[in-house]
């Protein structure tokens, strides 16, 4: 469908094109029916704007079961490491049925494992009021899963990059402050556990933060960050 787009919106230039397109497809021996359309919202999330709703209305006029697929390629970058794509599928809610107080025309046999919490941005733009989200799934073979997991996977060179020195100093200060607090709490816990049995210690520590485990995590974090920072700085000094 021919469209004109800007940085924040896309509008249809010729709405009649989709009707004529079906006729042209039949002339070429392709009797397919339009089952929906798709577009992207780079960095804005998956929802439908007013223009998207109008476009979906024209598609549902041709086929009542037409769907609108929205994909966010920017947010998908952060989920591709897990093999996921930020994608959603929508269909409009008949406003006449909503005015009559009837339930939206959607049925499901089970919601177990399919419920997905909608974003605030999608609710603001009319989700569950003007349109509703559909449960979708897409199949991937082993090669496709491997490609998605390795697409934005960090390489060995990522460990040699140095962070901003001011940011690195602030992170070190925050970790050392946390270590000082957990060291004090760990000392107090050792004094409190003196003379108690193993069962009494286990009951007394239920629901409490384990300062020893936090100390171990902080030590590993600050050592790894500083070793990489020093190594990267030395290599940069020698090479450049």
Protein backbone atom coordinates (compact mmCIF):
# COMPACT_ATOMS: atom_id res chain seq x y z
CA UNK A 1 0.00 0.00 0.00
CA UNK A 2 1.63 3.32 -1.01
CA UNK A 3 2.23 5.57 1.96
CA UNK A 4 3.98 8.79 2.90
CA UNK A 5 5.87 8.79 6.16
CA UNK A 6 7.67 11.12 8.54
CA UNK A 7 9.73 10.48 11.63
CA UNK A 8 6.69 9.86 13.81
CA UNK A 9 3.75 8.99 11.55
CA UNK A 10 2.80 7.18 8.35
CA UNK A 11 -0.33 8.02 6.38
CA UNK A 12 -1.91 6.23 3.44
CA UNK A 13 -1.77 8.14 0.17
CA UNK A 14 -4.27 6.07 -1.85
CA UNK A 15 -6.75 4.07 0.28
CA UNK A 16 -8.44 2.72 -2.86
CA UNK A 17 -5.19 0.99 -3.84
CA UNK A 18 -5.85 -2.02 -1.60
CA UNK A 19 -9.20 -2.65 -3.30
CA UNK A 20 -7.72 -2.41 -6.78
CA UNK A 21 -4.80 -4.55 -5.70
CA UNK A 22 -7.09 -7.56 -5.21
CA UNK A 23 -8.44 -7.14 -8.72
CA UNK A 24 -4.92 -6.92 -10.15
CA UNK A 25 -3.87 -10.03 -8.23
CA UNK A 26 -6.80 -11.98 -9.67
CA UNK A 27 -5.76 -10.91 -13.18
CA UNK A 28 -2.32 -12.41 -12.58
CA UNK A 29 -3.82 -15.70 -11.39
CA UNK A 30 -3.40 -15.09 -7.68
CA UNK A 31 -6.78 -15.38 -5.91
CA UNK A 32 -5.33 -14.61 -2.47
CA UNK A 33 -7.37 -12.61 0.01
CA UNK A 34 -5.85 -9.88 2.16
CA UNK A 35 -5.63 -11.21 5.71
CA UNK A 36 -3.95 -8.19 7.29
CA UNK A 37 -1.06 -5.77 7.17
CA UNK A 38 2.03 -5.00 9.21
CA UNK A 39 4.18 -2.01 10.07
CA UNK A 40 6.89 -1.07 12.56
CA UNK A 41 7.16 1.29 15.52
CA UNK A 42 10.94 1.66 15.99
CA UNK A 43 11.51 2.32 19.68
CA UNK A 44 7.89 3.27 20.44
CA UNK A 45 6.50 -0.13 21.42
CA UNK A 46 3.63 -2.16 19.97
CA UNK A 47 0.34 -0.24 19.82
CA UNK A 48 -1.96 1.36 17.24
CA UNK A 49 -2.29 5.08 16.59
CA UNK A 50 -5.36 6.84 15.22
CA UNK A 51 -4.02 6.53 11.67
CA UNK A 52 -3.35 2.82 12.23
CA UNK A 53 -6.91 2.32 13.49
CA UNK A 54 -8.33 4.00 10.37
CA UNK A 55 -6.11 1.83 8.17
CA UNK A 56 -7.22 -1.29 10.03
CA UNK A 57 -10.87 -0.29 9.53
CA UNK A 58 -10.34 -0.22 5.78
CA UNK A 59 -8.73 -3.66 5.90
CA UNK A 60 -11.54 -5.10 8.04
CA UNK A 61 -14.03 -3.70 5.52
CA UNK A 62 -12.48 -6.08 2.97
CA UNK A 63 -12.02 -8.97 5.39
CA UNK A 64 -13.65 -8.98 8.81
CA UNK A 65 -10.91 -11.23 10.18
CA UNK A 66 -8.03 -9.04 8.98
CA UNK A 67 -5.32 -8.35 11.56
CA UNK A 68 -2.75 -5.62 12.13
CA UNK A 69 0.77 -6.73 13.09
CA UNK A 70 3.11 -4.26 14.79
CA UNK A 71 6.81 -4.93 15.39
CA UNK A 72 9.40 -2.86 17.25
CA UNK A 73 12.86 -3.57 15.79
CA UNK A 74 14.65 -1.26 18.25
CA UNK A 75 13.32 -2.87 21.43
CA UNK A 76 13.81 -6.28 19.83
CA UNK A 77 17.56 -5.66 19.95
CA UNK A 78 17.52 -6.06 23.75
CA UNK A 79 15.40 -9.22 23.57
CA UNK A 80 17.13 -10.92 20.63
CA UNK A 81 19.76 -12.22 23.03
CA UNK A 82 16.94 -14.29 24.55
CA UNK A 83 15.67 -15.26 21.10
CA UNK A 84 12.58 -13.06 21.32
CA UNK A 85 11.10 -10.43 19.02
CA UNK A 86 8.92 -7.53 20.24
CA UNK A 87 5.83 -8.13 18.10
CA UNK A 88 2.08 -7.90 18.66
CA UNK A 89 -1.12 -8.47 16.69
CA UNK A 90 -4.29 -6.39 16.99
CA UNK A 91 -7.89 -6.38 15.81
CA UNK A 92 -10.47 -3.64 16.25
CA UNK A 93 -13.36 -3.72 18.71
CA UNK A 94 -16.75 -2.92 17.21
CA UNK A 95 -17.80 0.40 18.82
CA UNK A 96 -21.48 -0.46 18.41
CA UNK A 97 -21.09 -3.57 20.54
CA UNK A 98 -19.26 -1.54 23.18
CA UNK A 99 -22.08 1.02 23.28
CA UNK A 100 -24.62 -1.78 23.76
CA UNK A 101 -22.56 -3.14 26.65
CA UNK A 102 -21.74 -6.42 24.93
CA UNK A 103 -18.47 -8.23 25.32
CA UNK A 104 -15.84 -7.73 22.63
CA UNK A 105 -15.98 -10.41 19.88
CA UNK A 106 -13.14 -12.57 21.13
CA UNK A 107 -13.12 -16.02 22.65
CA UNK A 108 -10.46 -18.21 24.13
CA UNK A 109 -10.41 -21.67 25.62
CA UNK A 110 -7.62 -20.99 28.08
CA UNK A 111 -5.58 -18.04 29.29
CA UNK A 112 -2.90 -20.10 30.99
CA UNK A 113 0.50 -19.06 29.69
CA UNK A 114 -0.97 -16.50 27.29
CA UNK A 115 -1.73 -13.51 29.50
CA UNK A 116 0.61 -10.63 28.73
CA UNK A 117 0.61 -7.43 30.76
CA UNK A 118 0.00 -4.49 28.40
CA UNK A 119 2.24 -1.46 28.48
CA UNK A 120 1.02 1.89 29.78
CA UNK A 121 1.70 3.46 26.38
CA UNK A 122 -0.55 0.91 24.67
CA UNK A 123 -3.35 1.50 27.18
CA UNK A 124 -3.10 5.25 26.61
CA UNK A 125 -3.47 4.71 22.85
CA UNK A 126 -6.73 2.79 23.21
CA UNK A 127 -5.78 -0.82 23.91
CA UNK A 128 -8.84 -2.81 25.12
CA UNK A 129 -11.02 0.19 24.21
CA UNK A 130 -10.68 0.59 20.44
CA UNK A 131 -8.71 -2.56 19.69
CA UNK A 132 -7.50 -5.68 21.46
CA UNK A 133 -4.36 -7.76 21.38
CA UNK A 134 -4.27 -11.31 20.07
CA UNK A 135 -2.06 -14.15 21.25
CA UNK A 136 0.44 -14.95 18.51
CA UNK A 137 3.39 -17.28 18.14
CA UNK A 138 6.05 -17.80 15.50
CA UNK A 139 8.08 -20.89 14.79
CA UNK A 140 11.85 -20.93 14.57
CA UNK A 141 14.14 -23.74 13.58
CA UNK A 142 17.50 -24.37 15.23
CA UNK A 143 19.43 -22.29 12.72
CA UNK A 144 17.11 -19.32 13.16
CA UNK A 145 17.33 -19.55 16.96
CA UNK A 146 21.12 -19.69 16.73
CA UNK A 147 21.14 -16.67 14.42
CA UNK A 148 18.94 -14.64 16.79
CA UNK A 149 20.99 -15.51 19.86
CA UNK A 150 24.28 -14.65 18.12
CA UNK A 151 23.06 -11.51 16.35
CA UNK A 152 23.82 -9.12 19.21
CA UNK A 153 26.02 -11.42 21.26
CA UNK A 154 29.10 -9.80 22.73
CA UNK A 155 32.43 -10.81 21.24
CA UNK A 156 35.81 -11.20 22.93
CA UNK A 157 36.71 -7.65 21.90
CA UNK A 158 33.91 -6.27 24.08
CA UNK A 159 35.94 -7.17 27.16
CA UNK A 160 38.79 -4.91 26.04
CA UNK A 161 36.68 -1.77 25.73
CA UNK A 162 37.13 0.79 28.50
CA UNK A 163 34.27 2.67 30.10
CA UNK A 164 34.18 6.36 30.94
CA UNK A 165 36.62 7.04 33.79
CA UNK A 166 34.20 9.25 35.72
CA UNK A 167 31.45 6.66 35.40
CA UNK A 168 33.86 3.89 36.40
CA UNK A 169 34.94 5.86 39.49
CA UNK A 170 31.32 6.45 40.53
CA UNK A 171 30.50 2.75 40.13
CA UNK A 172 33.53 1.80 42.23
CA UNK A 173 32.49 4.24 44.94
CA UNK A 174 28.96 2.83 45.01
CA UNK A 175 30.18 -0.77 45.21
CA UNK A 176 32.69 0.00 47.98
CA UNK A 177 29.99 1.81 49.96
CA UNK A 178 27.75 -1.24 49.58
CA UNK A 179 30.59 -3.53 50.66
CA UNK A 180 31.19 -1.44 53.79
CA UNK A 181 27.51 -1.69 54.73
CA UNK A 182 27.35 -5.45 54.13
CA UNK A 183 30.62 -5.99 56.03
CA UNK A 184 29.15 -4.25 59.06
CA UNK A 185 25.96 -6.31 58.82
CA UNK A 186 27.95 -9.52 58.40
CA UNK A 187 30.00 -8.75 61.53
CA UNK A 188 26.82 -8.15 63.53
CA UNK A 189 25.30 -11.39 62.26
CA UNK A 190 28.37 -13.40 63.31
CA UNK A 191 28.11 -11.92 66.81
CA UNK A 192 24.40 -12.75 66.98
CA UNK A 193 24.97 -16.33 65.81
CA UNK A 194 27.55 -16.98 68.51
CA UNK A 195 26.27 -19.69 70.85
CA UNK A 196 23.23 -20.65 68.71
CA UNK A 197 22.51 -24.00 67.14
CA UNK A 198 22.26 -24.52 63.38
CA UNK A 199 18.45 -24.73 63.53
CA UNK A 200 18.18 -21.52 65.56
CA UNK A 201 20.44 -19.71 63.09
CA UNK A 202 18.36 -20.98 60.15
CA UNK A 203 15.09 -19.82 61.73
CA UNK A 204 16.51 -16.44 62.75
CA UNK A 205 17.76 -15.68 59.22
CA UNK A 206 14.53 -16.49 57.39
CA UNK A 207 13.45 -13.54 55.24
CA UNK A 208 16.64 -11.56 55.90
CA UNK A 209 19.27 -10.39 53.43
CA UNK A 210 22.40 -12.54 53.41
CA UNK A 211 25.27 -10.02 53.74
CA UNK A 212 27.90 -12.68 52.99
CA UNK A 213 26.37 -13.48 49.60
CA UNK A 214 26.10 -9.79 48.74
CA UNK A 215 29.74 -9.30 49.71
CA UNK A 216 30.83 -12.13 47.42
CA UNK A 217 28.82 -10.64 44.56
CA UNK A 218 30.26 -7.16 45.13
CA UNK A 219 33.82 -8.50 45.29
CA UNK A 220 33.42 -10.40 42.01
CA UNK A 221 31.79 -7.40 40.35
CA UNK A 222 34.39 -4.82 41.37
CA UNK A 223 37.34 -7.13 40.61
CA UNK A 224 36.06 -7.99 37.14
CA UNK A 225 35.29 -4.36 36.30
CA UNK A 226 38.66 -3.04 37.48
CA UNK A 227 40.71 -5.81 35.87
CA UNK A 228 39.04 -5.18 32.51
CA UNK A 229 39.40 -1.41 32.91
CA UNK A 230 43.11 -1.60 33.77
CA UNK A 231 43.82 -4.14 31.02
CA UNK A 232 41.97 -2.08 28.43
CA UNK A 233 43.74 1.11 29.50
CA UNK A 234 47.17 -0.54 29.28
CA UNK A 235 46.46 -1.97 25.83
CA UNK A 236 45.15 1.37 24.61
CA UNK A 237 48.28 3.12 25.92
CA UNK A 238 50.63 0.65 24.24
CA UNK A 239 48.79 0.40 20.91
CA UNK A 240 47.87 4.04 20.43
